[in-house]
Each structure stands twice: as structure tokens, then as C-alpha cells.
């Protein structure tokens, strides 16, 4: 009687035809046989994915952090399998070497399945299994497709399933991408701080609901931009910590079927060593296999950051509007001609493109939210669209922050003369006098100043409510822009 394992190996074997001059090999699976280019590192599973998922035209290789993460997972699995005796050292070593090459940027052109795919990411997992197997065979001196020596499923995928490797690789890749974003976010935050210091002492009119409010400095406005970005930095760092919890070892649904009981801990240990991150195994692998809450958190945190960044860009566009009929308080660096018909027009193109990125991130969050809700029973099948949304959002946001910093923020200048003119005739400074003259008299004088275009300080003096010296002392730049702080300081000095 034939050995079932031998028969299985025969059914999955590849008949390499390159020896007689053909430029392809034939691979066979449970659905039949297909021709595969002889020099391809991928195999029949990827070929079927190419037939089925010609959707976006974008291969998974457009997200190199994801490739790095998946190679780390496969490498950790090989080392764990060797440690627990589930895989011989020779095969494990070949897998390890192939993964190390992928981590270093080699063979990325071989990861060609579409980012949009059905099957919960199985096509992506098999793309890795096949490329790693064929590269391992090559390293051992065998021809591609000699799967009896190193098989994509039996050896590369030993003790694993798409359902634990895909989300784990996604988490590792997201950590890397978020760290890149944080680097750029920190630089943008610093650029706003630097610009704020450059604008120290420049007084302007603050606005609420698009109406004149009270004085502030341009430094305070730009420092506000920096502080709000710093808050997002802290939020994203927290998300990275939560991404470190993985379900590797869960296999299909979290029961660990087809894996040695020691695989989960061994693979966790090796993945932590490979990535240099505090990887932990989820306390309940069944729950962890079906739960995608952390991906929703990443998306929501990115959306929050994108919306805040977009609001900052709205402010920059408003503050720089004009130059003749707008606010024209600041000058945005001119980056390109703004019109094909209006001579001399320059548009705020850098803040605008950041706005557009924010719109994409918000839309992606909606798509990911729907994908998260669509999960059923023991698995959410929509990991691929989540991966696409998250990596695209991170890629766009990182690039948007860089162009905003380099091509806009660092080159902003202040229109000091215009700001000084606005402040000198600003009725709203009377707000600083309310504690000394009362709300009702201040309202009456403000209305009179607006109606007659008179100087508010002169009106206050003429009313007899305060002397010229008192008004001058109360309307200094320091009191107008840091009034409450100074009042407290005065009170402390009197005790």
C-alpha cells in the first residue's frame, strides 16, 4: 500500500521543464496544474491569486514594512520549530536565511499578490511560503519547485496558519510604520515650536467663530499647533505598545491545532528577539484570533491626528489668505504658480494636499470600521483591507507631515506691519479692562468705538472711568496676551 505522505508529496510536486529549454515549470495542487515561470520564486497559490484578485493593481510589496513584518514572523516560526523539534535544523536554517534576505530588501519584487484579496490573507501567507521555500531551495543548490526538499506548506508553514501569521505580521509591520510616522511627527512639532519662537512678541488678534476675539501673540498660535501634535505623539506611542500582543501559535481559530504546545511561547520569544520589541502572547488565543480591536484603535488614532493636522492647515490657509483681500497675517512659501489664467496668483498647495490626505485617512477609517464589524464567529476575514487602509494611511500621513514641514512651515513669515495696524485699532482690547470698569460700560464703549471708528483707549479715558496712565498700564502686550497669569502674579506680590 502506498504511503499517503509520499502520495501527497507527489501530488504537490513540480515538474520543472527548464532542463529541456522550457521557460516554465508546472505546479500541481488540489485544483489542478498550472504553468509557472521557471525563474519565479512564487508558485501555484500566487498564480491563482493573480487570476482571482486583479483588483487594485498594487502588489503587497508597496508596503515594505509589511513584508519585513511577515519575514520576521516566518523566521521566528522556523527558529521555534527547530527549538521544539518540529523541524530539522537544516530546513529551519534555509528558511531563516531566506527570511533574513527578505528583511534586508531582497526578493521584494516576488511579492506580487494584490493588496485587495479574499481569503483572510491566505494568498499573502502563501506568497511568503512559496518565495521562502524556493529561495531556500536555491540556497541549498536545488532547483525551484523541488518541494520534496523544502515544502511551502509542510516546512515553511509548519505549526502556523494564515489566521495567526497574518495579523501578527501586520502588527509588527504597523509598529515599524508608526515609528516612522512618529519620527516625522516629532520633527513637525519641533518646526512649529521653532517658528513660534521666531514669532515671539508679535501681537495679533485672536478669533473665535471667525469673529474678532482678544489679542494673542503669533508665537502662542504656533505653539498651540506644536502642543496639539505632541498629544498625538503620546497617543501613537500607546498604540504601539498594544500592537505587541499577538496570537502567533493560535493556528486556525485559536486552539493551536497542528502546532506543538510549546510553539506559541517559543515563537513569541524568537519574534521578540528578532524584532527587538516586547512581544507578548495574548492570554486567550481564541478571542485574539477573532478580535481586531487594536486595528480599529490604530485607525481611529490616525484619523484623530489627521483631522487635527487638517485643522492646522485650514488655519494656515486662512492666516495666509489674500494677499490683498484676505487676512494676510502670515506669508506661506510660494511653491508653484497658482493659476493658468490669473497672473501672479499663488495658492496654498502644501496645506491643501495635507487636507486631501486627511480626507483619505478619514475615509479609510470608515472602511476599516465596516471591515471590523463584518467579522463572523472565530475569524474576521477582512484583514487585507485593514492592512491596506492602515499602511496607506501611515504612508500618506508620514509623507504629508514631511512636505508640510519642509515645503511650508519652515518658510512661513509674519506680516508684522499688518498685524501691528490691526492691533492698534482693535476694539476687543477692552476685554482686558472689564475687571476695572465693568461689563456694561465696556459694552457701551465698544459699540461706540465700532460705530465711530474711534480709538477705544481714548474713549475709555474720555469717559472718566480710567486715567490715561491706568489704561496704558493695563493694555501692555504682556497683559493683553498673558493677562490672567500676570494678575495672579500681581496678587502674589501684594501678600
Protein backbone atom coordinates (compact mmCIF):
# COMPACT_ATOMS: atom_id res chain seq x y z
CA UNK A 1 0.00 0.00 0.00
CA UNK A 2 1.34 3.44 -0.99
CA UNK A 3 2.47 5.83 1.72
CA UNK A 4 -0.18 8.64 1.91
CA UNK A 5 2.51 11.20 2.67
CA UNK A 6 4.52 10.13 -0.34
CA UNK A 7 1.39 10.33 -2.49
CA UNK A 8 0.66 13.82 -1.12
CA UNK A 9 4.20 14.93 -1.89
CA UNK A 10 3.85 13.54 -5.42
CA UNK A 11 0.58 15.41 -5.99
CA UNK A 12 2.17 18.69 -4.89
CA UNK A 13 5.38 18.11 -6.80
CA UNK A 14 6.53 20.41 -9.56
CA UNK A 15 7.73 19.10 -12.89
CA UNK A 16 10.49 21.52 -13.79
CA UNK A 17 10.80 21.80 -17.53
CA UNK A 18 13.68 24.26 -17.72
CA UNK A 19 16.09 21.35 -18.20
CA UNK A 20 14.78 20.84 -21.73
CA UNK A 21 14.66 24.53 -22.59
CA UNK A 22 11.15 25.44 -21.47
CA UNK A 23 10.76 28.77 -19.66
CA UNK A 24 8.22 27.48 -17.20
CA UNK A 25 7.57 24.78 -14.68
CA UNK A 26 4.31 23.03 -13.87
CA UNK A 27 2.93 23.03 -10.36
CA UNK A 28 0.03 20.93 -9.17
CA UNK A 29 -2.42 21.48 -6.32
CA UNK A 30 -5.84 20.09 -5.36
CA UNK A 31 -7.49 22.14 -8.12
CA UNK A 32 -5.22 21.01 -10.92
CA UNK A 33 -2.00 22.10 -12.60
CA UNK A 34 -0.65 25.45 -13.76
CA UNK A 35 2.36 26.73 -15.61
CA UNK A 36 4.67 28.89 -13.50
CA UNK A 37 7.54 30.98 -14.91
CA UNK A 38 10.70 28.95 -14.35
CA UNK A 39 12.54 31.83 -12.69
CA UNK A 40 9.67 32.82 -10.37
CA UNK A 41 10.14 32.29 -6.65
CA UNK A 42 6.37 32.23 -6.17
CA UNK A 43 4.26 29.25 -7.11
CA UNK A 44 0.79 27.96 -7.90
CA UNK A 45 -1.01 29.60 -4.98
CA UNK A 46 0.24 33.02 -6.03
CA UNK A 47 -0.63 32.25 -9.65
CA UNK A 48 -4.22 31.54 -8.69
CA UNK A 49 -4.32 34.73 -6.62
CA UNK A 50 -3.18 36.70 -9.67
CA UNK A 51 -6.09 35.23 -11.62
CA UNK A 52 -8.63 35.91 -8.90
CA UNK A 53 -7.63 39.25 -7.42
CA UNK A 54 -6.77 41.66 -10.22
CA UNK A 55 -8.35 44.48 -8.21
CA UNK A 56 -6.13 47.40 -7.27
CA UNK A 57 -3.10 46.76 -9.44
CA UNK A 58 -0.98 47.28 -6.33
CA UNK A 59 1.06 44.34 -5.03
CA UNK A 60 1.69 43.81 -1.34
CA UNK A 61 5.30 44.88 -1.94
CA UNK A 62 4.14 48.53 -1.96
CA UNK A 63 4.14 48.16 1.84
CA UNK A 64 7.74 47.10 2.66
CA UNK A 65 7.14 47.29 6.41
CA UNK A 66 4.51 44.57 6.00
CA UNK A 67 6.99 42.40 4.10
CA UNK A 68 9.55 42.96 6.84
CA UNK A 69 7.00 42.02 9.49
CA UNK A 70 5.96 38.83 7.70
CA UNK A 71 9.58 37.79 7.17
CA UNK A 72 10.17 38.28 10.91
CA UNK A 73 7.19 36.04 11.71
CA UNK A 74 8.33 33.27 9.35
CA UNK A 75 11.86 33.49 10.69
CA UNK A 76 10.64 33.29 14.29
CA UNK A 77 8.45 30.29 13.41
CA UNK A 78 11.37 28.46 11.79
CA UNK A 79 13.58 29.03 14.82
CA UNK A 80 10.79 27.97 17.17
CA UNK A 81 10.09 24.81 15.17
CA UNK A 82 13.77 23.91 15.26
CA UNK A 83 13.92 24.55 19.01
CA UNK A 84 10.95 22.32 19.84
CA UNK A 85 12.00 19.60 17.38
CA UNK A 86 9.18 20.15 14.88
CA UNK A 87 11.59 20.94 12.04
CA UNK A 88 15.10 19.77 11.32
CA UNK A 89 17.92 22.25 11.69
CA UNK A 90 18.87 22.18 8.00
CA UNK A 91 15.46 23.18 6.70
CA UNK A 92 14.98 25.68 9.50
CA UNK A 93 18.32 27.24 8.63
CA UNK A 94 17.39 27.62 4.96
CA UNK A 95 14.10 29.30 5.90
CA UNK A 96 15.94 31.55 8.32
CA UNK A 97 18.44 32.66 5.66
CA UNK A 98 15.72 33.36 3.11
CA UNK A 99 13.78 35.43 5.65
CA UNK A 100 16.90 37.41 6.53
CA UNK A 101 17.33 38.29 2.87
CA UNK A 102 13.73 39.46 2.59
CA UNK A 103 14.18 41.59 5.70
CA UNK A 104 17.20 43.13 4.01
CA UNK A 105 15.15 44.13 0.96
CA UNK A 106 15.83 41.23 -1.39
CA UNK A 107 13.13 39.44 -3.42
CA UNK A 108 10.52 42.13 -2.76
CA UNK A 109 9.58 42.08 -6.44
CA UNK A 110 8.40 38.49 -5.91
CA UNK A 111 5.59 39.54 -3.56
CA UNK A 112 3.02 40.23 -6.23
CA UNK A 113 -0.41 39.31 -4.89
CA UNK A 114 -2.85 42.21 -4.85
CA UNK A 115 -3.26 44.14 -1.61
CA UNK A 116 -7.00 43.53 -2.03
CA UNK A 117 -7.74 39.83 -1.76
CA UNK A 118 -10.29 37.43 -0.40
CA UNK A 119 -9.40 34.58 1.92
CA UNK A 120 -8.35 36.48 5.06
CA UNK A 121 -4.83 36.93 3.70
CA UNK A 122 -4.14 33.32 2.67
CA UNK A 123 -2.73 34.48 -0.67
CA UNK A 124 -0.26 36.73 1.14
CA UNK A 125 0.76 33.94 3.51
CA UNK A 126 1.28 31.56 0.60
CA UNK A 127 3.22 34.19 -1.32
CA UNK A 128 5.67 34.18 1.60
CA UNK A 129 5.66 30.41 1.98
CA UNK A 130 6.41 29.87 -1.71
CA UNK A 131 9.07 32.56 -2.06
CA UNK A 132 10.84 31.45 1.10
CA UNK A 133 10.72 27.80 0.06
CA UNK A 134 12.07 28.44 -3.42
CA UNK A 135 14.80 30.77 -2.18
CA UNK A 136 15.72 28.18 0.45
CA UNK A 137 15.91 25.51 -2.25
CA UNK A 138 18.15 27.76 -4.30
CA UNK A 139 20.43 28.36 -1.33
CA UNK A 140 20.70 24.59 -0.86
CA UNK A 141 21.61 24.04 -4.52
CA UNK A 142 18.25 22.64 -5.60
CA UNK A 143 16.06 23.84 -8.44
CA UNK A 144 12.97 25.92 -7.72
CA UNK A 145 10.00 23.71 -7.14
CA UNK A 146 11.84 20.77 -5.61
CA UNK A 147 9.34 20.82 -2.79
CA UNK A 148 10.19 17.34 -1.58
CA UNK A 149 13.30 19.02 -0.19
CA UNK A 150 11.65 22.13 1.23
CA UNK A 151 7.88 22.48 1.01
CA UNK A 152 5.92 25.79 1.34
CA UNK A 153 3.23 24.15 3.49
CA UNK A 154 4.88 21.26 5.28
CA UNK A 155 8.06 23.11 6.22
CA UNK A 156 7.82 26.90 5.83
CA UNK A 157 4.26 26.98 7.21
CA UNK A 158 4.89 24.36 9.93
CA UNK A 159 2.89 25.00 13.13
CA UNK A 160 1.23 28.05 11.54
CA UNK A 161 -1.91 29.29 9.83
CA UNK A 162 -2.71 32.42 7.89
CA UNK A 163 -5.01 33.28 10.79
CA UNK A 164 -2.16 33.77 13.24
CA UNK A 165 0.75 34.74 10.99
CA UNK A 166 -1.12 37.43 9.02
CA UNK A 167 -2.34 39.53 11.98
CA UNK A 168 0.98 39.06 13.77
CA UNK A 169 2.94 40.23 10.71
CA UNK A 170 0.52 43.12 10.31
CA UNK A 171 1.14 44.22 13.88
CA UNK A 172 4.92 44.06 13.50
CA UNK A 173 4.74 46.00 10.24
CA UNK A 174 2.47 48.61 11.77
CA UNK A 175 4.87 49.15 14.65
CA UNK A 176 7.59 49.99 12.13
CA UNK A 177 5.35 52.29 10.10
CA UNK A 178 4.06 54.11 13.17
CA UNK A 179 7.61 54.62 14.39
CA UNK A 180 8.44 56.26 11.05
CA UNK A 181 5.40 58.46 11.41
CA UNK A 182 6.41 59.41 14.95
CA UNK A 183 9.85 60.49 13.75
CA UNK A 184 8.30 62.82 11.20
CA UNK A 185 5.63 63.98 13.64
CA UNK A 186 8.30 64.94 16.16
CA UNK A 187 10.17 66.95 13.53
CA UNK A 188 6.98 68.75 12.52
CA UNK A 189 6.21 69.51 16.16
CA UNK A 190 9.72 70.95 16.56
CA UNK A 191 9.29 73.05 13.41
CA UNK A 192 6.17 74.69 14.85
CA UNK A 193 7.98 75.32 18.15
CA UNK A 194 10.89 76.91 16.29
CA UNK A 195 8.58 79.07 14.24
CA UNK A 196 6.76 80.11 17.41
CA UNK A 197 9.99 81.29 18.99
CA UNK A 198 10.73 83.22 15.81
CA UNK A 199 7.36 84.97 16.18
CA UNK A 200 7.82 85.87 19.85
CA UNK A 201 6.40 89.29 20.76
CA UNK A 202 4.36 89.70 17.57
CA UNK A 203 0.85 90.58 18.76
CA UNK A 204 -2.20 89.72 16.68
CA UNK A 205 -5.94 89.43 17.03
CA UNK A 206 -7.28 86.08 18.15
CA UNK A 207 -10.59 84.95 16.69
CA UNK A 208 -13.46 82.72 17.76
CA UNK A 209 -16.22 81.67 15.37
CA UNK A 210 -14.45 83.70 12.67
CA UNK A 211 -15.07 86.89 14.65
CA UNK A 212 -12.57 89.14 16.41
CA UNK A 213 -11.95 87.98 19.99
CA UNK A 214 -8.96 89.09 22.11
CA UNK A 215 -5.27 89.71 21.48
CA UNK A 216 -2.66 86.96 21.48
CA UNK A 217 0.80 86.53 20.04
CA UNK A 218 1.65 84.74 16.84
CA UNK A 219 4.02 82.68 18.98
CA UNK A 220 1.11 81.45 21.10
CA UNK A 221 -0.79 80.41 17.98
CA UNK A 222 2.11 78.39 16.57
CA UNK A 223 2.98 76.93 19.97
CA UNK A 224 -0.62 75.69 20.09
CA UNK A 225 -0.05 73.82 16.84
CA UNK A 226 3.06 72.19 18.30
CA UNK A 227 1.34 71.14 21.52
CA UNK A 228 -1.60 69.50 19.78
CA UNK A 229 0.81 67.46 17.65
CA UNK A 230 2.67 66.38 20.79
CA UNK A 231 -0.58 64.96 22.18
CA UNK A 232 -0.90 62.75 19.11
CA UNK A 233 2.68 61.58 19.60
CA UNK A 234 1.78 60.23 23.04
CA UNK A 235 -1.37 58.53 21.72
CA UNK A 236 0.50 56.75 18.93
CA UNK A 237 3.18 55.53 21.32
CA UNK A 238 0.43 53.92 23.39
CA UNK A 239 -0.94 52.16 20.31
CA UNK A 240 2.48 50.68 19.55
CA UNK A 241 2.55 49.06 22.98
CA UNK A 242 -0.83 47.42 22.38
CA UNK A 243 0.24 46.12 18.97
CA UNK A 244 2.85 43.98 20.73
CA UNK A 245 0.17 41.47 21.83
CA UNK A 246 -0.03 38.73 19.17
CA UNK A 247 -1.83 35.43 18.55
CA UNK A 248 1.08 33.54 16.97
CA UNK A 249 0.58 29.88 17.87
CA UNK A 250 -3.20 30.11 17.64
CA UNK A 251 -3.18 28.49 14.17
CA UNK A 252 -6.67 28.30 12.65
CA UNK A 253 -9.06 29.56 15.32
CA UNK A 254 -7.04 29.84 18.49
CA UNK A 255 -6.97 26.23 19.66
CA UNK A 256 -3.42 25.71 18.40
CA UNK A 257 -4.37 22.68 16.31
CA UNK A 258 -1.49 21.19 14.26
CA UNK A 259 1.09 23.01 16.39
CA UNK A 260 3.22 21.69 19.23
CA UNK A 261 2.04 23.03 22.63
CA UNK A 262 5.43 24.69 23.06
CA UNK A 263 5.30 26.55 19.75
CA UNK A 264 3.42 29.65 20.90
CA UNK A 265 5.91 30.56 23.61
CA UNK A 266 8.94 29.58 21.54
CA UNK A 267 7.79 31.65 18.57
CA UNK A 268 6.94 34.61 20.81
CA UNK A 269 10.40 34.52 22.34
CA UNK A 270 12.10 34.39 18.96
CA UNK A 271 9.88 37.09 17.45
CA UNK A 272 10.69 39.38 20.36
CA UNK A 273 14.42 38.77 19.85
CA UNK A 274 14.21 39.28 16.08
CA UNK A 275 12.18 42.49 16.24
CA UNK A 276 13.64 43.92 19.43
CA UNK A 277 10.15 44.61 20.71
CA UNK A 278 8.30 43.37 23.81
CA UNK A 279 6.13 40.81 22.03
CA UNK A 280 3.62 39.04 24.28
CA UNK A 281 1.20 36.22 23.57
CA UNK A 282 -2.46 37.10 24.01
CA UNK A 283 -3.94 35.49 27.15
CA UNK A 284 -6.84 33.99 25.18
CA UNK A 285 -5.89 32.94 21.65
CA UNK A 286 -9.46 32.23 20.54
CA UNK A 287 -10.50 35.77 21.46
CA UNK A 288 -7.31 37.21 19.97
CA UNK A 289 -7.86 35.43 16.65
CA UNK A 290 -11.29 36.94 16.10
CA UNK A 291 -10.66 40.36 17.69
CA UNK A 292 -9.43 43.27 15.54
CA UNK A 293 -9.92 45.99 18.14
CA UNK A 294 -6.32 47.16 18.07
CA UNK A 295 -6.54 47.82 14.33
CA UNK A 296 -9.60 49.96 14.92
CA UNK A 297 -7.62 51.81 17.59
CA UNK A 298 -4.72 52.44 15.21
CA UNK A 299 -7.12 53.71 12.56
CA UNK A 300 -9.02 55.94 14.98
CA UNK A 301 -5.80 57.39 16.37
CA UNK A 302 -4.57 58.13 12.85
CA UNK A 303 -7.87 59.75 11.97
CA UNK A 304 -7.70 61.93 15.06
CA UNK A 305 -4.18 63.02 14.13
CA UNK A 306 -5.19 63.60 10.51
CA UNK A 307 -8.16 65.76 11.49
CA UNK A 308 -6.06 67.86 13.85
CA UNK A 309 -3.39 68.28 11.21
CA UNK A 310 -6.04 69.23 8.66
CA UNK A 311 -7.42 71.85 11.05
CA UNK A 312 -3.94 73.33 11.43
CA UNK A 313 -3.69 73.50 7.64
CA UNK A 314 -7.09 75.20 7.48
CA UNK A 315 -5.74 77.82 9.88
CA UNK A 316 -2.58 78.31 7.84
CA UNK A 317 -4.62 78.82 4.68
CA UNK A 318 -6.85 81.36 6.42
CA UNK A 319 -4.00 83.23 8.05
CA UNK A 320 -2.21 83.43 4.73
CA UNK A 321 -5.28 84.28 2.67
CA UNK A 322 -5.17 87.28 0.37
CA UNK A 323 -2.75 88.80 -0.13
CA UNK A 324 -4.88 91.92 -0.61
CA UNK A 325 -8.42 90.94 0.30
CA UNK A 326 -7.76 88.25 2.91
CA UNK A 327 -6.32 88.06 6.42
CA UNK A 328 -2.75 88.16 5.11
CA UNK A 329 -1.26 87.81 8.61
CA UNK A 330 1.40 85.34 7.50
CA UNK A 331 3.08 84.50 4.21
CA UNK A 332 3.17 80.86 3.13
CA UNK A 333 6.16 79.98 0.96
CA UNK A 334 5.21 80.20 -2.73
CA UNK A 335 5.69 76.72 -4.14
CA UNK A 336 4.25 76.96 -7.66
CA UNK A 337 2.19 79.16 -9.95
CA UNK A 338 -1.41 79.09 -8.80
CA UNK A 339 -3.39 79.64 -11.94
CA UNK A 340 -3.33 79.08 -15.67
CA UNK A 341 -5.37 82.26 -16.20
CA UNK A 342 -4.79 84.63 -13.25
CA UNK A 343 -1.28 86.12 -13.39
CA UNK A 344 0.68 86.22 -10.15
CA UNK A 345 -1.74 84.02 -8.19
CA UNK A 346 -0.10 81.64 -5.73
CA UNK A 347 -2.14 79.00 -3.94
CA UNK A 348 -1.55 77.31 -0.55
CA UNK A 349 -0.88 73.98 -2.25
CA UNK A 350 1.03 72.34 0.60
CA UNK A 351 -1.68 72.76 3.25
CA UNK A 352 -4.22 71.73 0.61
CA UNK A 353 -2.53 68.41 -0.12
CA UNK A 354 -2.35 67.71 3.61
CA UNK A 355 -6.10 68.36 3.77
CA UNK A 356 -6.56 65.80 1.00
CA UNK A 357 -4.53 63.22 2.88
CA UNK A 358 -6.73 63.79 5.92
CA UNK A 359 -9.81 63.10 3.81
CA UNK A 360 -8.31 59.80 2.64
CA UNK A 361 -7.44 58.78 6.20
CA UNK A 362 -10.97 59.56 7.38
CA UNK A 363 -12.44 57.51 4.54
CA UNK A 364 -10.10 54.65 5.31
CA UNK A 365 -11.25 54.66 8.92
CA UNK A 366 -14.82 54.19 7.74
CA UNK A 367 -13.77 51.26 5.55
CA UNK A 368 -11.81 49.65 8.37
CA UNK A 369 -14.68 50.12 10.82
CA UNK A 370 -17.04 48.34 8.46
CA UNK A 371 -14.50 45.55 7.93
CA UNK A 372 -14.11 45.12 11.68
CA UNK A 373 -17.87 44.87 12.17
CA UNK A 374 -18.17 42.32 9.35
CA UNK A 375 -16.19 39.65 11.20
CA UNK A 376 -18.05 36.42 11.88
CA UNK A 377 -17.63 33.75 14.51
CA UNK A 378 -13.99 32.68 15.01
CA UNK A 379 -12.32 34.89 12.38
CA UNK A 380 -12.51 38.25 10.72
CA UNK A 381 -11.81 37.56 7.03
CA UNK A 382 -11.14 41.19 6.11
CA UNK A 383 -7.59 41.62 7.34
CA UNK A 384 -6.32 42.50 3.85
CA UNK A 385 -8.45 45.63 3.53
CA UNK A 386 -7.48 46.63 7.07
CA UNK A 387 -3.80 46.20 6.21
CA UNK A 388 -4.25 48.22 3.02
CA UNK A 389 -6.09 51.04 4.80
CA UNK A 390 -3.63 51.27 7.69
CA UNK A 391 -0.41 51.10 5.70
CA UNK A 392 -1.73 53.54 3.11
CA UNK A 393 -2.86 55.98 5.80
CA UNK A 394 0.51 55.75 7.57
CA UNK A 395 2.40 56.17 4.31
CA UNK A 396 0.33 59.19 3.26
CA UNK A 397 0.42 60.82 6.69
CA UNK A 398 4.18 60.45 7.03
CA UNK A 399 4.75 61.98 3.60
CA UNK A 400 2.21 64.75 4.28
CA UNK A 401 3.93 65.74 7.52
CA UNK A 402 7.28 65.88 5.80
CA UNK A 403 6.10 68.07 2.94
CA UNK A 404 4.23 70.36 5.35
CA UNK A 405 7.38 70.83 7.41
CA UNK A 406 9.90 71.16 4.58
CA UNK A 407 7.83 73.00 2.00
CA UNK A 408 5.65 75.17 4.22
CA UNK A 409 6.18 75.61 7.96
CA UNK A 410 9.90 76.34 7.93
CA UNK A 411 9.42 79.09 5.36
CA UNK A 412 6.44 80.93 6.91
CA UNK A 413 6.99 84.63 7.63
CA UNK A 414 4.87 87.14 9.54
CA UNK A 415 3.36 90.34 8.13
CA UNK A 416 4.35 92.39 11.17
CA UNK A 417 3.15 95.75 9.86
CA UNK A 418 -0.32 94.49 9.05
CA UNK A 419 -0.63 92.77 12.42
CA UNK A 420 0.51 95.88 14.28
CA UNK A 421 -2.02 98.02 12.41
CA UNK A 422 -4.86 95.63 13.22
CA UNK A 423 -3.98 95.51 16.91
CA UNK A 424 -3.59 99.29 17.24
CA UNK A 425 -7.21 99.89 16.26
CA UNK A 426 -8.66 96.74 17.82
CA UNK A 427 -11.80 97.31 19.89
CA UNK A 428 -11.52 93.92 21.55
CA UNK A 429 -8.73 95.06 23.84
CA UNK A 430 -11.44 96.48 26.08
CA UNK A 431 -11.98 92.93 27.34
CA UNK A 432 -8.82 93.42 29.40
CA UNK A 433 -10.44 96.42 31.10
CA UNK A 434 -13.67 94.71 32.20
CA UNK A 435 -12.37 93.84 35.70
CA UNK A 436 -11.67 97.55 36.19
CA UNK A 437 -14.64 99.29 34.51
CA UNK A 438 -17.37 96.63 34.41
CA UNK A 439 -19.01 94.68 31.60
CA UNK A 440 -21.86 97.09 30.82
CA UNK A 441 -19.68 100.22 30.43
CA UNK A 442 -17.23 98.19 28.35
CA UNK A 443 -20.03 97.04 26.05
CA UNK A 444 -21.28 100.61 25.60
CA UNK A 445 -17.81 101.93 24.78
CA UNK A 446 -17.09 99.03 22.39
CA UNK A 447 -20.26 99.77 20.43
CA UNK A 448 -19.38 103.45 20.27
CA UNK A 449 -15.88 102.69 19.03
CA UNK A 450 -17.20 100.41 16.29
CA UNK A 451 -19.82 102.95 15.24
CA UNK A 452 -17.48 105.94 15.16
CA UNK A 453 -14.20 104.21 14.35
CA UNK A 454 -12.73 105.91 17.43
CA UNK A 455 -9.76 104.62 19.40
CA UNK A 456 -11.05 102.52 22.29
CA UNK A 457 -8.37 103.70 24.73
CA UNK A 458 -9.26 107.34 24.04
CA UNK A 459 -12.93 106.61 24.68
CA UNK A 460 -12.19 104.92 28.00
CA UNK A 461 -10.12 107.91 29.15
CA UNK A 462 -12.74 110.38 27.91
CA UNK A 463 -15.43 108.52 29.86
CA UNK A 464 -13.57 109.22 33.09
CA UNK A 465 -13.55 105.55 34.07
CA UNK A 466 -9.73 105.27 33.97
CA UNK A 467 -6.81 107.63 33.56
CA UNK A 468 -4.50 107.52 30.56
CA UNK A 469 -1.78 106.06 32.75
CA UNK A 470 -4.09 103.32 34.02
CA UNK A 471 -5.23 102.42 30.53
CA UNK A 472 -1.65 102.29 29.25
CA UNK A 473 -0.59 100.07 32.14
CA UNK A 474 -3.50 97.67 31.59
CA UNK A 475 -3.11 97.41 27.81
CA UNK A 476 0.53 96.36 27.61
CA UNK A 477 1.43 93.45 25.32
CA UNK A 478 2.14 91.25 28.33
CA UNK A 479 -1.24 91.92 29.98
CA UNK A 480 -3.16 91.57 26.73
CA UNK A 481 -1.64 88.18 25.89
CA UNK A 482 -0.96 86.75 29.38
CA UNK A 483 -3.44 88.71 31.48
CA UNK A 484 -4.60 86.03 33.91
CA UNK A 485 -1.08 84.85 34.58
CA UNK A 486 0.07 88.41 35.33
CA UNK A 487 -2.94 89.17 37.52
CA UNK A 488 -2.11 86.14 39.69
CA UNK A 489 1.50 87.28 39.82
CA UNK A 490 0.44 90.75 40.97
CA UNK A 491 -1.78 89.28 43.67
CA UNK A 492 1.03 87.07 44.96
CA UNK A 493 3.35 90.09 45.06
CA UNK A 494 0.92 92.04 47.25
CA UNK A 495 0.83 89.44 50.01
